[in-house]
Amino acid sequence: MDIYRRLASPAPLSPDWALAVLRVVVGFTFLMHGWQKLFELGFAGTMEMFVQMSVPLPGLTGPLVSVVELVGGALLLIGLATRLAAIVLAIDMLVAVLLVHLAGGFFVPYGVELVLLLLAGAVALVLGGPGAFALDRLLAASLTGRAALRSPVQAAPASRRD
């Protein structure tokens, strides 16, 4: 019965693990998309793809998006500058939804399905932060003292944990 109560409760079971899973999977996905654009398609291939999708200024936006997704994904993966990287990646996905994928309906390969999930994941990381298992937490601890290493659940008053 205790397990049912825990699963049915609106209180998070493990917010730090939840944020870590979200951050690593979203970060890895962005990293791989940036890798594909930079190292498989190259700047010329990415620019041509952006031309075909009618993205404005493809000579600038193609390389920019490639680097943003590769570097932003890597930052999310390790949990460094998480909120900043997530904001930039959320903007990247919002623009992709509006300029390219919205006209393709919902489902992949042309629809908003994947892009919308990546947008939601990035926004969730902006709102939720990197979690305890991130370099951001270690950096904060070194700058502000050991209190930053405590889990947000441990630091919350007892009334908030229920």
N, C-alpha and C. Protein backbone atom coordinates (compact mmCIF):
# COMPACT_ATOMS: atom_id res chain seq x y z
N MET A 1 0.82 -1.20 0.00
CA MET A 1 0.00 0.00 0.00
C MET A 1 0.86 1.26 0.00
N ASP A 2 2.01 1.20 0.69
CA ASP A 2 2.89 2.36 0.73
C ASP A 2 3.40 2.71 -0.66
N ILE A 3 3.72 1.71 -1.46
CA ILE A 3 4.22 1.97 -2.81
C ILE A 3 3.13 2.62 -3.66
N TYR A 4 1.88 2.18 -3.49
CA TYR A 4 0.78 2.79 -4.24
C TYR A 4 0.64 4.25 -3.84
N ARG A 5 0.70 4.54 -2.54
CA ARG A 5 0.59 5.92 -2.08
C ARG A 5 1.70 6.78 -2.66
N ARG A 6 2.90 6.24 -2.70
CA ARG A 6 4.03 7.01 -3.25
C ARG A 6 3.84 7.26 -4.75
N LEU A 7 3.36 6.24 -5.47
CA LEU A 7 3.17 6.40 -6.91
C LEU A 7 1.99 7.32 -7.22
N ALA A 8 0.96 7.30 -6.39
CA ALA A 8 -0.22 8.12 -6.61
C ALA A 8 -0.03 9.54 -6.11
N SER A 9 0.97 9.78 -5.28
CA SER A 9 1.20 11.09 -4.70
C SER A 9 1.68 12.08 -5.76
N PRO A 10 1.26 13.33 -5.68
CA PRO A 10 1.78 14.34 -6.61
C PRO A 10 3.20 14.78 -6.26
N ALA A 11 3.70 14.40 -5.07
CA ALA A 11 5.06 14.77 -4.69
C ALA A 11 6.07 14.00 -5.52
N PRO A 12 7.16 14.64 -5.93
CA PRO A 12 8.15 13.93 -6.73
C PRO A 12 8.82 12.81 -5.95
N LEU A 13 9.06 11.69 -6.63
CA LEU A 13 9.76 10.58 -6.00
C LEU A 13 11.25 10.89 -5.89
N SER A 14 11.83 11.41 -6.96
CA SER A 14 13.25 11.74 -6.97
C SER A 14 13.50 12.81 -8.02
N PRO A 15 13.32 14.08 -7.65
CA PRO A 15 13.47 15.14 -8.64
C PRO A 15 14.88 15.22 -9.24
N ASP A 16 15.90 14.92 -8.44
CA ASP A 16 17.26 14.98 -8.98
C ASP A 16 17.49 13.93 -10.06
N TRP A 17 17.01 12.71 -9.83
CA TRP A 17 17.14 11.66 -10.84
C TRP A 17 16.27 11.99 -12.06
N ALA A 18 15.09 12.53 -11.83
CA ALA A 18 14.20 12.89 -12.95
C ALA A 18 14.87 13.94 -13.83
N LEU A 19 15.45 14.97 -13.22
CA LEU A 19 16.13 16.00 -13.99
C LEU A 19 17.36 15.45 -14.70
N ALA A 20 18.08 14.54 -14.05
CA ALA A 20 19.26 13.95 -14.67
C ALA A 20 18.88 13.16 -15.92
N VAL A 21 17.84 12.35 -15.82
CA VAL A 21 17.40 11.56 -16.98
C VAL A 21 16.97 12.49 -18.11
N LEU A 22 16.16 13.49 -17.78
CA LEU A 22 15.70 14.43 -18.80
C LEU A 22 16.87 15.17 -19.44
N ARG A 23 17.77 15.67 -18.62
CA ARG A 23 18.91 16.45 -19.10
C ARG A 23 19.82 15.62 -20.00
N VAL A 24 20.12 14.39 -19.60
CA VAL A 24 21.02 13.54 -20.38
C VAL A 24 20.39 13.13 -21.71
N VAL A 25 19.14 12.74 -21.69
CA VAL A 25 18.49 12.29 -22.94
C VAL A 25 18.28 13.46 -23.90
N VAL A 26 17.79 14.58 -23.40
CA VAL A 26 17.59 15.75 -24.26
C VAL A 26 18.95 16.26 -24.76
N GLY A 27 19.92 16.32 -23.88
CA GLY A 27 21.26 16.77 -24.28
C GLY A 27 21.88 15.87 -25.33
N PHE A 28 21.78 14.56 -25.14
CA PHE A 28 22.34 13.62 -26.10
C PHE A 28 21.65 13.76 -27.47
N THR A 29 20.35 13.94 -27.45
CA THR A 29 19.60 14.08 -28.71
C THR A 29 20.04 15.34 -29.46
N PHE A 30 20.15 16.46 -28.76
CA PHE A 30 20.63 17.68 -29.40
C PHE A 30 22.07 17.52 -29.89
N LEU A 31 22.92 16.92 -29.06
CA LEU A 31 24.31 16.69 -29.44
C LEU A 31 24.38 15.90 -30.74
N MET A 32 23.60 14.84 -30.86
CA MET A 32 23.64 14.01 -32.06
C MET A 32 23.10 14.75 -33.28
N HIS A 33 22.08 15.59 -33.10
CA HIS A 33 21.57 16.38 -34.23
C HIS A 33 22.61 17.40 -34.68
N GLY A 34 23.30 18.04 -33.73
CA GLY A 34 24.37 18.96 -34.09
C GLY A 34 25.53 18.24 -34.77
N TRP A 35 25.87 17.04 -34.24
CA TRP A 35 26.94 16.23 -34.83
C TRP A 35 26.61 15.88 -36.29
N GLN A 36 25.37 15.48 -36.50
CA GLN A 36 24.94 15.11 -37.86
C GLN A 36 25.08 16.31 -38.81
N LYS A 37 24.63 17.47 -38.34
CA LYS A 37 24.70 18.65 -39.20
C LYS A 37 26.14 19.06 -39.47
N LEU A 38 26.99 19.02 -38.46
CA LEU A 38 28.38 19.48 -38.63
C LEU A 38 29.27 18.46 -39.34
N PHE A 39 29.20 17.20 -38.92
CA PHE A 39 30.21 16.23 -39.35
C PHE A 39 29.73 15.23 -40.39
N GLU A 40 28.42 15.10 -40.55
CA GLU A 40 27.93 14.20 -41.60
C GLU A 40 27.47 14.99 -42.82
N LEU A 41 26.65 16.00 -42.60
CA LEU A 41 26.20 16.84 -43.71
C LEU A 41 27.22 17.90 -44.05
N GLY A 42 27.91 18.43 -43.03
CA GLY A 42 28.84 19.53 -43.21
C GLY A 42 28.10 20.84 -43.37
N PHE A 43 28.84 21.94 -43.35
CA PHE A 43 28.19 23.25 -43.47
C PHE A 43 27.46 23.38 -44.80
N ALA A 44 28.07 22.90 -45.88
CA ALA A 44 27.45 23.01 -47.21
C ALA A 44 26.16 22.19 -47.27
N GLY A 45 26.18 20.98 -46.76
CA GLY A 45 24.98 20.13 -46.78
C GLY A 45 23.88 20.68 -45.88
N THR A 46 24.26 21.19 -44.73
CA THR A 46 23.27 21.78 -43.82
C THR A 46 22.67 23.03 -44.43
N MET A 47 23.52 23.84 -45.06
CA MET A 47 23.02 25.04 -45.72
C MET A 47 22.04 24.66 -46.84
N GLU A 48 22.37 23.65 -47.62
CA GLU A 48 21.48 23.20 -48.70
C GLU A 48 20.15 22.69 -48.12
N MET A 49 20.22 21.96 -47.02
CA MET A 49 19.00 21.48 -46.37
C MET A 49 18.15 22.66 -45.91
N PHE A 50 18.79 23.69 -45.36
CA PHE A 50 18.05 24.87 -44.91
C PHE A 50 17.45 25.62 -46.10
N VAL A 51 18.13 25.64 -47.23
CA VAL A 51 17.59 26.25 -48.44
C VAL A 51 16.32 25.51 -48.86
N GLN A 52 16.38 24.18 -48.88
CA GLN A 52 15.22 23.37 -49.27
C GLN A 52 14.04 23.56 -48.33
N MET A 53 14.31 23.83 -47.05
CA MET A 53 13.25 24.04 -46.07
C MET A 53 12.81 25.50 -46.00
N SER A 54 13.39 26.35 -46.86
CA SER A 54 13.08 27.78 -46.92
C SER A 54 13.38 28.52 -45.61
N VAL A 55 14.44 28.10 -44.93
CA VAL A 55 14.87 28.80 -43.72
C VAL A 55 15.62 30.05 -44.15
N PRO A 56 15.27 31.20 -43.58
CA PRO A 56 15.95 32.45 -43.96
C PRO A 56 17.46 32.41 -43.66
N LEU A 57 18.23 33.08 -44.49
CA LEU A 57 19.67 33.21 -44.36
C LEU A 57 20.36 31.86 -44.08
N PRO A 58 20.17 30.89 -44.97
CA PRO A 58 20.71 29.55 -44.71
C PRO A 58 22.22 29.49 -44.56
N GLY A 59 22.94 30.41 -45.18
CA GLY A 59 24.39 30.44 -45.03
C GLY A 59 24.82 30.81 -43.62
N LEU A 60 23.98 31.53 -42.91
CA LEU A 60 24.24 31.89 -41.51
C LEU A 60 23.54 30.95 -40.54
N THR A 61 22.26 30.69 -40.80
CA THR A 61 21.48 29.90 -39.84
C THR A 61 21.86 28.42 -39.82
N GLY A 62 22.28 27.87 -40.95
CA GLY A 62 22.68 26.46 -40.98
C GLY A 62 23.86 26.18 -40.06
N PRO A 63 24.99 26.88 -40.26
CA PRO A 63 26.12 26.67 -39.35
C PRO A 63 25.80 27.05 -37.90
N LEU A 64 25.03 28.12 -37.70
CA LEU A 64 24.68 28.56 -36.35
C LEU A 64 23.88 27.49 -35.61
N VAL A 65 22.87 26.95 -36.25
CA VAL A 65 22.04 25.92 -35.63
C VAL A 65 22.88 24.66 -35.37
N SER A 66 23.77 24.33 -36.29
CA SER A 66 24.63 23.16 -36.11
C SER A 66 25.47 23.28 -34.84
N VAL A 67 26.10 24.42 -34.67
CA VAL A 67 26.96 24.65 -33.49
C VAL A 67 26.12 24.75 -32.22
N VAL A 68 25.00 25.45 -32.29
CA VAL A 68 24.13 25.58 -31.12
C VAL A 68 23.67 24.21 -30.63
N GLU A 69 23.26 23.35 -31.55
CA GLU A 69 22.78 22.02 -31.15
C GLU A 69 23.90 21.14 -30.62
N LEU A 70 25.08 21.18 -31.25
CA LEU A 70 26.21 20.37 -30.79
C LEU A 70 26.69 20.85 -29.41
N VAL A 71 27.00 22.12 -29.29
CA VAL A 71 27.54 22.65 -28.03
C VAL A 71 26.47 22.67 -26.95
N GLY A 72 25.26 23.12 -27.30
CA GLY A 72 24.18 23.14 -26.31
C GLY A 72 23.84 21.75 -25.81
N GLY A 73 23.83 20.78 -26.71
CA GLY A 73 23.57 19.39 -26.31
C GLY A 73 24.65 18.87 -25.38
N ALA A 74 25.92 19.18 -25.69
CA ALA A 74 27.02 18.74 -24.83
C ALA A 74 26.92 19.38 -23.46
N LEU A 75 26.57 20.66 -23.41
CA LEU A 75 26.41 21.35 -22.12
C LEU A 75 25.30 20.72 -21.29
N LEU A 76 24.17 20.41 -21.92
CA LEU A 76 23.09 19.75 -21.19
C LEU A 76 23.53 18.38 -20.70
N LEU A 77 24.21 17.65 -21.53
CA LEU A 77 24.65 16.30 -21.19
C LEU A 77 25.48 16.28 -19.92
N ILE A 78 26.39 17.23 -19.77
CA ILE A 78 27.23 17.26 -18.57
C ILE A 78 26.66 18.16 -17.48
N GLY A 79 25.62 18.91 -17.80
CA GLY A 79 25.00 19.75 -16.79
C GLY A 79 25.79 21.00 -16.48
N LEU A 80 26.30 21.66 -17.50
CA LEU A 80 27.07 22.89 -17.33
C LEU A 80 26.36 24.01 -18.09
N ALA A 81 26.11 25.12 -17.41
CA ALA A 81 25.35 26.24 -17.99
C ALA A 81 24.00 25.72 -18.51
N THR A 82 23.39 24.87 -17.73
CA THR A 82 22.19 24.14 -18.16
C THR A 82 21.07 25.07 -18.57
N ARG A 83 20.72 26.02 -17.72
CA ARG A 83 19.59 26.89 -18.04
C ARG A 83 19.86 27.74 -19.27
N LEU A 84 21.05 28.29 -19.38
CA LEU A 84 21.39 29.10 -20.55
C LEU A 84 21.34 28.26 -21.83
N ALA A 85 21.95 27.08 -21.79
CA ALA A 85 21.93 26.19 -22.96
C ALA A 85 20.50 25.80 -23.30
N ALA A 86 19.70 25.51 -22.29
CA ALA A 86 18.31 25.09 -22.53
C ALA A 86 17.48 26.22 -23.13
N ILE A 87 17.73 27.46 -22.71
CA ILE A 87 17.01 28.60 -23.29
C ILE A 87 17.33 28.72 -24.78
N VAL A 88 18.61 28.65 -25.11
CA VAL A 88 19.03 28.78 -26.52
C VAL A 88 18.45 27.63 -27.35
N LEU A 89 18.49 26.42 -26.81
CA LEU A 89 17.95 25.26 -27.54
C LEU A 89 16.43 25.33 -27.66
N ALA A 90 15.76 25.86 -26.65
CA ALA A 90 14.30 26.03 -26.74
C ALA A 90 13.95 27.02 -27.85
N ILE A 91 14.70 28.09 -27.95
CA ILE A 91 14.48 29.07 -29.02
C ILE A 91 14.72 28.41 -30.38
N ASP A 92 15.78 27.63 -30.47
CA ASP A 92 16.10 26.87 -31.69
C ASP A 92 14.90 26.00 -32.10
N MET A 93 14.32 25.28 -31.15
CA MET A 93 13.21 24.38 -31.46
C MET A 93 11.92 25.16 -31.76
N LEU A 94 11.70 26.27 -31.07
CA LEU A 94 10.52 27.09 -31.35
C LEU A 94 10.57 27.63 -32.78
N VAL A 95 11.73 28.09 -33.19
CA VAL A 95 11.89 28.57 -34.57
C VAL A 95 11.70 27.42 -35.55
N ALA A 96 12.23 26.24 -35.24
CA ALA A 96 12.06 25.07 -36.11
C ALA A 96 10.59 24.69 -36.25
N VAL A 97 9.85 24.76 -35.14
CA VAL A 97 8.41 24.47 -35.20
C VAL A 97 7.72 25.46 -36.11
N LEU A 98 7.97 26.73 -35.89
CA LEU A 98 7.24 27.78 -36.62
C LEU A 98 7.63 27.87 -38.09
N LEU A 99 8.92 27.73 -38.40
CA LEU A 99 9.37 27.90 -39.78
C LEU A 99 9.29 26.65 -40.64
N VAL A 100 9.45 25.48 -40.02
CA VAL A 100 9.61 24.27 -40.82
C VAL A 100 8.55 23.21 -40.54
N HIS A 101 8.37 22.82 -39.30
CA HIS A 101 7.62 21.61 -38.97
C HIS A 101 6.12 21.79 -38.83
N LEU A 102 5.64 22.96 -38.52
CA LEU A 102 4.21 23.17 -38.30
C LEU A 102 3.38 22.79 -39.54
N ALA A 103 3.89 23.13 -40.70
CA ALA A 103 3.17 22.82 -41.94
C ALA A 103 3.13 21.32 -42.23
N GLY A 104 4.01 20.55 -41.58
CA GLY A 104 4.08 19.11 -41.82
C GLY A 104 3.15 18.28 -40.96
N GLY A 105 2.30 18.94 -40.18
CA GLY A 105 1.38 18.21 -39.31
C GLY A 105 2.06 17.80 -38.01
N PHE A 106 1.61 16.72 -37.41
CA PHE A 106 2.14 16.31 -36.11
C PHE A 106 3.27 15.29 -36.22
N PHE A 107 3.08 14.26 -37.02
CA PHE A 107 3.98 13.11 -36.99
C PHE A 107 5.27 13.32 -37.80
N VAL A 108 6.36 12.65 -37.35
CA VAL A 108 7.61 12.68 -38.08
C VAL A 108 7.42 11.92 -39.39
N PRO A 109 8.16 12.20 -40.41
CA PRO A 109 9.42 12.91 -40.42
C PRO A 109 9.30 14.42 -40.58
N TYR A 110 8.14 14.95 -40.99
CA TYR A 110 8.06 16.38 -41.28
C TYR A 110 7.29 17.17 -40.24
N GLY A 111 6.56 16.51 -39.38
CA GLY A 111 5.72 17.19 -38.41
C GLY A 111 6.46 17.66 -37.18
N VAL A 112 5.69 18.15 -36.21
CA VAL A 112 6.25 18.78 -35.02
C VAL A 112 6.57 17.80 -33.90
N GLU A 113 6.24 16.53 -34.05
CA GLU A 113 6.32 15.54 -32.97
C GLU A 113 7.65 15.59 -32.21
N LEU A 114 8.76 15.34 -32.86
CA LEU A 114 10.06 15.31 -32.20
C LEU A 114 10.49 16.69 -31.73
N VAL A 115 10.30 17.68 -32.59
CA VAL A 115 10.72 19.04 -32.28
C VAL A 115 9.96 19.57 -31.06
N LEU A 116 8.69 19.23 -30.97
CA LEU A 116 7.87 19.66 -29.83
C LEU A 116 8.36 19.00 -28.54
N LEU A 117 8.73 17.73 -28.60
CA LEU A 117 9.29 17.05 -27.42
C LEU A 117 10.61 17.68 -26.98
N LEU A 118 11.47 18.01 -27.94
CA LEU A 118 12.73 18.66 -27.59
C LEU A 118 12.51 20.06 -27.03
N LEU A 119 11.55 20.78 -27.57
CA LEU A 119 11.19 22.09 -27.04
C LEU A 119 10.70 21.97 -25.60
N ALA A 120 9.80 21.02 -25.36
CA ALA A 120 9.27 20.81 -24.01
C ALA A 120 10.37 20.39 -23.04
N GLY A 121 11.27 19.53 -23.47
CA GLY A 121 12.38 19.10 -22.62
C GLY A 121 13.29 20.26 -22.26
N ALA A 122 13.58 21.11 -23.24
CA ALA A 122 14.44 22.27 -22.98
C ALA A 122 13.75 23.25 -22.02
N VAL A 123 12.47 23.50 -22.23
CA VAL A 123 11.73 24.40 -21.33
C VAL A 123 11.67 23.81 -19.92
N ALA A 124 11.45 22.51 -19.80
CA ALA A 124 11.43 21.86 -18.49
C ALA A 124 12.76 22.04 -17.77
N LEU A 125 13.87 21.98 -18.50
CA LEU A 125 15.18 22.17 -17.89
C LEU A 125 15.43 23.62 -17.50
N VAL A 126 14.89 24.55 -18.26
CA VAL A 126 14.97 25.96 -17.85
C VAL A 126 14.24 26.15 -16.53
N LEU A 127 13.05 25.57 -16.42
CA LEU A 127 12.23 25.73 -15.22
C LEU A 127 12.73 24.90 -14.05
N GLY A 128 13.19 23.67 -14.32
CA GLY A 128 13.59 22.75 -13.25
C GLY A 128 15.05 22.83 -12.87
N GLY A 129 15.88 23.38 -13.75
CA GLY A 129 17.31 23.44 -13.47
C GLY A 129 18.00 22.12 -13.79
N PRO A 130 19.27 22.05 -13.49
CA PRO A 130 20.06 20.88 -13.87
C PRO A 130 19.91 19.68 -12.96
N GLY A 131 19.44 19.88 -11.73
CA GLY A 131 19.40 18.79 -10.76
C GLY A 131 20.74 18.62 -10.07
N ALA A 132 20.79 17.69 -9.14
CA ALA A 132 21.98 17.50 -8.30
C ALA A 132 23.14 16.85 -9.04
N PHE A 133 22.86 16.06 -10.06
CA PHE A 133 23.91 15.30 -10.73
C PHE A 133 24.40 16.05 -11.97
N ALA A 134 24.87 17.27 -11.75
CA ALA A 134 25.31 18.12 -12.85
C ALA A 134 26.52 18.93 -12.42
N LEU A 135 27.33 19.31 -13.39
CA LEU A 135 28.48 20.15 -13.08
C LEU A 135 28.05 21.51 -12.54
N ASP A 136 26.89 21.98 -12.94
CA ASP A 136 26.38 23.25 -12.40
C ASP A 136 26.31 23.19 -10.88
N ARG A 137 25.87 22.08 -10.34
CA ARG A 137 25.76 21.92 -8.88
C ARG A 137 27.13 21.96 -8.22
N LEU A 138 28.11 21.28 -8.82
CA LEU A 138 29.47 21.30 -8.27
C LEU A 138 30.08 22.70 -8.34
N LEU A 139 29.83 23.38 -9.45
CA LEU A 139 30.33 24.74 -9.61
C LEU A 139 29.70 25.67 -8.58
N ALA A 140 28.40 25.55 -8.39
CA ALA A 140 27.71 26.36 -7.38
C ALA A 140 28.24 26.08 -5.99
N ALA A 141 28.54 24.81 -5.71
CA ALA A 141 29.06 24.44 -4.40
C ALA A 141 30.43 25.06 -4.17
N SER A 142 31.26 25.08 -5.20
CA SER A 142 32.60 25.64 -5.03
C SER A 142 32.55 27.16 -4.87
N LEU A 143 31.52 27.79 -5.44
CA LEU A 143 31.40 29.25 -5.35
C LEU A 143 30.69 29.70 -4.08
N THR A 144 29.74 28.91 -3.60
CA THR A 144 28.91 29.37 -2.49
C THR A 144 29.06 28.55 -1.22
N GLY A 145 29.78 27.46 -1.27
CA GLY A 145 29.92 26.62 -0.08
C GLY A 145 29.19 25.30 -0.26
N ARG A 146 29.29 24.44 0.74
CA ARG A 146 28.77 23.08 0.67
C ARG A 146 27.25 23.00 0.61
N ALA A 147 26.50 24.00 1.02
CA ALA A 147 25.04 23.91 1.06
C ALA A 147 24.46 23.64 -0.32
N ALA A 148 25.13 24.08 -1.36
CA ALA A 148 24.62 23.88 -2.72
C ALA A 148 24.62 22.41 -3.13
N LEU A 149 25.39 21.58 -2.43
CA LEU A 149 25.44 20.16 -2.78
C LEU A 149 24.24 19.39 -2.25
N ARG A 150 23.50 19.96 -1.30
CA ARG A 150 22.33 19.26 -0.77
C ARG A 150 21.26 19.20 -1.85
N SER A 151 20.52 18.13 -1.83
CA SER A 151 19.41 17.97 -2.75
C SER A 151 18.35 19.02 -2.45
N PRO A 152 17.65 19.55 -3.47
CA PRO A 152 16.56 20.49 -3.20
C PRO A 152 15.50 19.89 -2.29
N VAL A 153 15.29 18.58 -2.37
CA VAL A 153 14.30 17.93 -1.51
C VAL A 153 14.78 17.95 -0.07
N GLN A 154 16.08 17.70 0.15
CA GLN A 154 16.64 17.73 1.50
C GLN A 154 16.60 19.15 2.06
N ALA A 155 16.82 20.14 1.21
CA ALA A 155 16.87 21.52 1.67
C ALA A 155 15.47 22.09 1.93
N ALA A 156 14.44 21.48 1.37
CA ALA A 156 13.08 21.99 1.52
C ALA A 156 12.56 21.72 2.93
N PRO A 157 11.71 22.60 3.42
CA PRO A 157 11.09 22.35 4.72
C PRO A 157 10.27 21.06 4.68
N ALA A 158 10.09 20.45 5.82
CA ALA A 158 9.37 19.17 5.91
C ALA A 158 7.98 19.24 5.30
N SER A 159 7.31 20.36 5.42
CA SER A 159 5.95 20.47 4.89
C SER A 159 5.92 20.40 3.37
N ARG A 160 7.02 20.76 2.70
CA ARG A 160 7.06 20.74 1.25
C ARG A 160 7.38 19.37 0.71
N ARG A 161 7.91 18.47 1.52
CA ARG A 161 8.30 17.14 1.05
C ARG A 161 7.11 16.20 0.93
N ASP A 162 6.00 16.51 1.52
CA ASP A 162 4.83 15.60 1.51
C ASP A 162 4.06 15.68 0.24
